[in-house]
């Protein structure tokens, strides 16, 4: 994947996460600045999502740890490198745990 393809994919993914946060009823606020998306939960804790261009990965930082995701061209989805979890499922899990209530983010 070229750098420009990677950046287009990341931009589309961050936008999809914003839209999913808006569609959820979890009260998630977000700010996107310079390719870093900060999700703020009702309890004021944050999850940070950012691009790592040199390694072509998307990284998620949460209270539970740091997670790295690779893009799978075949499925068109980001998958966590540690266990192959899909990005939106993994974010739903992290946000639910960190926020103390069920959160489901869907890219559709």
N, C-alpha and C. Protein backbone atom coordinates (compact mmCIF):
# COMPACT_ATOMS: atom_id res chain seq x y z
N UNK A 1 0.85 -1.16 0.00
CA UNK A 1 0.00 0.00 0.00
C UNK A 1 0.90 1.23 0.00
N UNK A 2 0.65 2.14 -0.92
CA UNK A 2 1.43 3.37 -0.97
C UNK A 2 1.03 4.28 0.19
N UNK A 3 1.85 5.27 0.44
CA UNK A 3 1.55 6.21 1.52
C UNK A 3 0.25 6.96 1.25
N UNK A 4 0.01 7.36 0.00
CA UNK A 4 -1.23 8.09 -0.30
C UNK A 4 -2.44 7.18 -0.15
N UNK A 5 -2.33 5.92 -0.55
CA UNK A 5 -3.44 4.97 -0.35
C UNK A 5 -3.70 4.77 1.15
N UNK A 6 -2.64 4.62 1.91
CA UNK A 6 -2.76 4.45 3.35
C UNK A 6 -3.47 5.65 3.97
N UNK A 7 -3.04 6.86 3.61
CA UNK A 7 -3.65 8.06 4.18
C UNK A 7 -5.12 8.20 3.79
N UNK A 8 -5.47 7.85 2.55
CA UNK A 8 -6.88 7.87 2.15
C UNK A 8 -7.69 6.87 2.98
N UNK A 9 -7.13 5.68 3.18
CA UNK A 9 -7.83 4.66 3.96
C UNK A 9 -8.00 5.08 5.42
N UNK A 10 -6.97 5.65 6.00
CA UNK A 10 -7.04 6.13 7.39
C UNK A 10 -8.08 7.23 7.51
N UNK A 11 -8.06 8.20 6.59
CA UNK A 11 -9.02 9.29 6.65
C UNK A 11 -10.45 8.76 6.57
N UNK A 12 -10.70 7.82 5.69
CA UNK A 12 -12.03 7.22 5.57
C UNK A 12 -12.41 6.46 6.84
N UNK A 13 -11.46 5.78 7.43
CA UNK A 13 -11.71 5.02 8.65
C UNK A 13 -12.02 5.94 9.82
N UNK A 14 -11.24 7.00 9.98
CA UNK A 14 -11.49 7.94 11.07
C UNK A 14 -12.87 8.59 10.92
N UNK A 15 -13.25 8.92 9.69
CA UNK A 15 -14.58 9.48 9.44
C UNK A 15 -15.66 8.46 9.79
N UNK A 16 -15.46 7.21 9.42
CA UNK A 16 -16.43 6.16 9.75
C UNK A 16 -16.56 5.98 11.26
N UNK A 17 -15.46 6.12 12.01
CA UNK A 17 -15.52 6.02 13.46
C UNK A 17 -16.31 7.20 14.03
N UNK A 18 -16.08 8.39 13.50
CA UNK A 18 -16.85 9.56 13.94
C UNK A 18 -18.34 9.34 13.70
N UNK A 19 -18.69 8.85 12.52
CA UNK A 19 -20.09 8.60 12.19
C UNK A 19 -20.69 7.53 13.10
N UNK A 20 -19.92 6.51 13.40
CA UNK A 20 -20.39 5.45 14.30
C UNK A 20 -20.59 5.99 15.71
N UNK A 21 -19.70 6.87 16.15
CA UNK A 21 -19.84 7.48 17.48
C UNK A 21 -21.11 8.33 17.53
N UNK A 22 -21.38 9.08 16.45
CA UNK A 22 -22.60 9.89 16.38
C UNK A 22 -23.85 9.01 16.41
N UNK A 23 -23.79 7.88 15.74
CA UNK A 23 -24.95 6.99 15.64
C UNK A 23 -25.20 6.20 16.92
N UNK A 24 -24.17 6.06 17.74
CA UNK A 24 -24.34 5.31 18.99
C UNK A 24 -25.07 6.18 20.00
N UNK A 25 -25.63 5.56 21.01
CA UNK A 25 -26.29 6.33 22.06
C UNK A 25 -25.41 6.40 23.31
N UNK A 26 -24.10 6.28 23.12
CA UNK A 26 -23.18 6.22 24.25
C UNK A 26 -22.68 7.59 24.71
N UNK A 27 -23.06 8.65 24.00
CA UNK A 27 -22.62 9.99 24.40
C UNK A 27 -21.13 10.20 24.23
N UNK A 28 -20.58 9.70 23.14
CA UNK A 28 -19.15 9.83 22.88
C UNK A 28 -18.90 11.14 22.14
N UNK A 29 -18.04 11.97 22.69
CA UNK A 29 -17.58 13.17 22.00
C UNK A 29 -16.28 12.82 21.29
N UNK A 30 -15.97 13.55 20.23
CA UNK A 30 -14.72 13.28 19.52
C UNK A 30 -14.14 14.55 18.95
N UNK A 31 -12.83 14.48 18.74
CA UNK A 31 -12.10 15.58 18.10
C UNK A 31 -11.06 14.95 17.19
N UNK A 32 -11.04 15.41 15.96
CA UNK A 32 -10.07 14.93 14.98
C UNK A 32 -9.14 16.09 14.65
N UNK A 33 -7.88 15.92 14.98
CA UNK A 33 -6.90 16.96 14.75
C UNK A 33 -5.61 16.36 14.22
N UNK A 34 -5.28 16.70 12.99
CA UNK A 34 -4.03 16.23 12.41
C UNK A 34 -3.92 14.72 12.31
N UNK A 35 -5.03 14.05 12.04
CA UNK A 35 -5.00 12.60 11.90
C UNK A 35 -5.02 11.85 13.21
N UNK A 36 -5.28 12.56 14.30
CA UNK A 36 -5.42 11.93 15.60
C UNK A 36 -6.86 12.13 16.05
N UNK A 37 -7.57 11.03 16.25
CA UNK A 37 -8.97 11.08 16.67
C UNK A 37 -9.03 10.75 18.15
N UNK A 38 -9.56 11.69 18.92
CA UNK A 38 -9.71 11.50 20.37
C UNK A 38 -11.18 11.28 20.67
N UNK A 39 -11.50 10.12 21.24
CA UNK A 39 -12.86 9.82 21.66
C UNK A 39 -12.93 10.05 23.16
N UNK A 40 -13.89 10.86 23.59
CA UNK A 40 -14.06 11.16 25.02
C UNK A 40 -15.39 10.58 25.47
N UNK A 41 -15.33 9.72 26.46
CA UNK A 41 -16.52 9.05 26.98
C UNK A 41 -17.19 9.91 28.05
N UNK A 42 -18.40 9.52 28.44
CA UNK A 42 -19.17 10.28 29.43
C UNK A 42 -18.43 10.41 30.75
N UNK A 43 -17.59 9.42 31.09
CA UNK A 43 -16.83 9.48 32.35
C UNK A 43 -15.53 10.29 32.19
N UNK A 44 -15.39 10.97 31.05
CA UNK A 44 -14.27 11.86 30.72
C UNK A 44 -12.98 11.12 30.38
N UNK A 45 -13.00 9.79 30.35
CA UNK A 45 -11.81 9.05 29.92
C UNK A 45 -11.74 9.12 28.39
N UNK A 46 -10.54 8.89 27.88
CA UNK A 46 -10.33 9.04 26.44
C UNK A 46 -9.70 7.80 25.82
N UNK A 47 -10.02 7.61 24.56
CA UNK A 47 -9.39 6.62 23.71
C UNK A 47 -8.83 7.39 22.52
N UNK A 48 -7.56 7.19 22.22
CA UNK A 48 -6.88 7.92 21.16
C UNK A 48 -6.61 6.97 20.00
N UNK A 49 -6.96 7.42 18.79
CA UNK A 49 -6.76 6.63 17.58
C UNK A 49 -5.90 7.46 16.63
N UNK A 50 -4.79 6.90 16.18
CA UNK A 50 -3.96 7.67 15.27
C UNK A 50 -3.26 6.81 14.24
N UNK A 51 -2.83 7.47 13.20
CA UNK A 51 -2.12 6.81 12.10
C UNK A 51 -0.63 6.71 12.42
N UNK A 52 -0.06 5.62 11.99
CA UNK A 52 1.38 5.42 12.09
C UNK A 52 1.89 5.13 10.67
N UNK A 53 2.14 6.23 9.95
CA UNK A 53 2.47 6.13 8.53
C UNK A 53 3.70 5.28 8.24
N UNK A 54 4.80 5.41 8.98
CA UNK A 54 5.99 4.63 8.63
C UNK A 54 5.75 3.11 8.61
N UNK A 55 4.87 2.62 9.48
CA UNK A 55 4.61 1.17 9.55
C UNK A 55 3.25 0.81 8.94
N UNK A 56 2.55 1.81 8.39
CA UNK A 56 1.23 1.61 7.75
C UNK A 56 0.24 0.93 8.69
N UNK A 57 0.16 1.45 9.91
CA UNK A 57 -0.75 0.89 10.91
C UNK A 57 -1.62 1.99 11.50
N UNK A 58 -2.72 1.56 12.09
CA UNK A 58 -3.59 2.40 12.89
C UNK A 58 -3.39 1.96 14.33
N UNK A 59 -3.15 2.91 15.23
CA UNK A 59 -2.91 2.57 16.63
C UNK A 59 -4.02 3.12 17.49
N UNK A 60 -4.39 2.36 18.50
CA UNK A 60 -5.41 2.74 19.47
C UNK A 60 -4.77 2.70 20.86
N UNK A 61 -4.92 3.81 21.58
CA UNK A 61 -4.43 3.88 22.96
C UNK A 61 -5.63 4.02 23.88
N UNK A 62 -5.72 3.10 24.85
CA UNK A 62 -6.82 3.07 25.81
C UNK A 62 -6.25 2.76 27.18
N UNK A 63 -7.09 2.86 28.20
CA UNK A 63 -6.63 2.51 29.55
C UNK A 63 -6.15 1.06 29.62
N UNK A 64 -6.77 0.20 28.83
CA UNK A 64 -6.42 -1.23 28.86
C UNK A 64 -5.14 -1.54 28.09
N UNK A 65 -4.61 -0.57 27.34
CA UNK A 65 -3.37 -0.81 26.63
C UNK A 65 -3.33 -0.15 25.27
N UNK A 66 -2.27 -0.45 24.55
CA UNK A 66 -2.09 0.05 23.19
C UNK A 66 -2.29 -1.08 22.20
N UNK A 67 -2.98 -0.78 21.11
CA UNK A 67 -3.31 -1.81 20.12
C UNK A 67 -2.92 -1.33 18.73
N UNK A 68 -2.39 -2.24 17.94
CA UNK A 68 -1.97 -1.94 16.58
C UNK A 68 -2.86 -2.71 15.61
N UNK A 69 -3.22 -2.04 14.52
CA UNK A 69 -4.10 -2.62 13.51
C UNK A 69 -3.46 -2.51 12.14
N UNK A 70 -3.53 -3.60 11.38
CA UNK A 70 -3.09 -3.63 9.98
C UNK A 70 -4.31 -3.67 9.09
N UNK A 71 -4.19 -3.07 7.90
CA UNK A 71 -5.28 -3.09 6.94
C UNK A 71 -5.18 -4.35 6.08
N UNK A 72 -6.29 -5.05 5.95
CA UNK A 72 -6.37 -6.25 5.11
C UNK A 72 -7.10 -5.87 3.83
N UNK A 73 -6.36 -5.81 2.74
CA UNK A 73 -6.95 -5.41 1.45
C UNK A 73 -8.05 -6.36 0.99
N UNK A 74 -7.92 -7.63 1.32
CA UNK A 74 -8.92 -8.62 0.89
C UNK A 74 -10.28 -8.35 1.53
N UNK A 75 -10.31 -8.08 2.82
CA UNK A 75 -11.57 -7.85 3.52
C UNK A 75 -11.95 -6.38 3.54
N UNK A 76 -10.98 -5.51 3.31
CA UNK A 76 -11.24 -4.07 3.38
C UNK A 76 -11.41 -3.59 4.81
N UNK A 77 -10.84 -4.32 5.77
CA UNK A 77 -11.00 -3.99 7.19
C UNK A 77 -9.64 -3.94 7.88
N UNK A 78 -9.63 -3.23 9.01
CA UNK A 78 -8.46 -3.18 9.88
C UNK A 78 -8.59 -4.29 10.91
N UNK A 79 -7.48 -5.00 11.15
CA UNK A 79 -7.47 -6.10 12.11
C UNK A 79 -6.33 -5.91 13.11
N UNK A 80 -6.65 -6.16 14.38
CA UNK A 80 -5.65 -6.04 15.46
C UNK A 80 -4.57 -7.08 15.25
N UNK A 81 -3.34 -6.66 15.38
CA UNK A 81 -2.21 -7.55 15.12
C UNK A 81 -2.09 -8.67 16.16
N UNK A 82 -2.54 -8.43 17.38
CA UNK A 82 -2.36 -9.41 18.45
C UNK A 82 -3.33 -10.58 18.36
N UNK A 83 -4.54 -10.35 17.86
CA UNK A 83 -5.54 -11.42 17.84
C UNK A 83 -6.47 -11.40 16.63
N UNK A 84 -6.22 -10.55 15.66
CA UNK A 84 -6.97 -10.45 14.41
C UNK A 84 -8.39 -9.90 14.59
N UNK A 85 -8.71 -9.30 15.75
CA UNK A 85 -10.02 -8.70 15.95
C UNK A 85 -10.21 -7.54 14.98
N UNK A 86 -11.42 -7.42 14.44
CA UNK A 86 -11.76 -6.33 13.53
C UNK A 86 -11.84 -5.02 14.32
N UNK A 87 -11.45 -3.91 13.71
CA UNK A 87 -11.33 -2.63 14.38
C UNK A 87 -12.60 -2.20 15.12
N UNK A 88 -13.75 -2.21 14.45
CA UNK A 88 -14.97 -1.70 15.09
C UNK A 88 -15.41 -2.59 16.25
N UNK A 89 -15.21 -3.89 16.12
CA UNK A 89 -15.51 -4.80 17.23
C UNK A 89 -14.56 -4.54 18.39
N UNK A 90 -13.29 -4.35 18.09
CA UNK A 90 -12.29 -4.09 19.13
C UNK A 90 -12.56 -2.75 19.82
N UNK A 91 -12.91 -1.72 19.04
CA UNK A 91 -13.23 -0.43 19.64
C UNK A 91 -14.47 -0.52 20.53
N UNK A 92 -15.48 -1.27 20.09
CA UNK A 92 -16.68 -1.45 20.90
C UNK A 92 -16.33 -2.08 22.24
N UNK A 93 -15.46 -3.07 22.20
CA UNK A 93 -15.02 -3.75 23.42
C UNK A 93 -14.26 -2.80 24.35
N UNK A 94 -13.31 -2.07 23.79
CA UNK A 94 -12.49 -1.15 24.58
C UNK A 94 -13.35 -0.04 25.17
N UNK A 95 -14.24 0.54 24.37
CA UNK A 95 -15.08 1.63 24.85
C UNK A 95 -16.07 1.15 25.91
N UNK A 96 -16.59 -0.05 25.75
CA UNK A 96 -17.51 -0.61 26.75
C UNK A 96 -16.80 -0.80 28.07
N UNK A 97 -15.61 -1.39 28.01
CA UNK A 97 -14.84 -1.63 29.22
C UNK A 97 -14.44 -0.33 29.91
N UNK A 98 -13.95 0.60 29.13
CA UNK A 98 -13.45 1.85 29.69
C UNK A 98 -14.59 2.76 30.15
N UNK A 99 -15.71 2.73 29.45
CA UNK A 99 -16.82 3.60 29.80
C UNK A 99 -17.76 3.03 30.83
N UNK A 100 -17.66 1.74 31.10
CA UNK A 100 -18.49 1.12 32.11
C UNK A 100 -19.90 0.81 31.67
N UNK A 101 -20.13 0.78 30.36
CA UNK A 101 -21.45 0.44 29.82
C UNK A 101 -21.32 -0.05 28.40
N UNK A 102 -22.32 -0.73 27.93
CA UNK A 102 -22.26 -1.32 26.58
C UNK A 102 -22.18 -0.23 25.50
N UNK A 103 -21.17 -0.36 24.64
CA UNK A 103 -21.01 0.53 23.50
C UNK A 103 -20.83 -0.35 22.27
N UNK A 104 -21.60 -0.07 21.24
CA UNK A 104 -21.44 -0.79 19.99
C UNK A 104 -21.23 0.21 18.88
N UNK A 105 -20.08 0.11 18.25
CA UNK A 105 -19.79 0.94 17.08
C UNK A 105 -19.88 0.07 15.84
N UNK A 106 -20.61 0.55 14.86
CA UNK A 106 -20.78 -0.19 13.62
C UNK A 106 -20.39 0.71 12.47
N UNK A 107 -19.68 0.17 11.51
CA UNK A 107 -19.27 1.00 10.37
C UNK A 107 -20.35 1.10 9.32
N UNK A 108 -21.45 0.43 9.51
CA UNK A 108 -22.54 0.50 8.53
C UNK A 108 -23.64 1.41 9.01
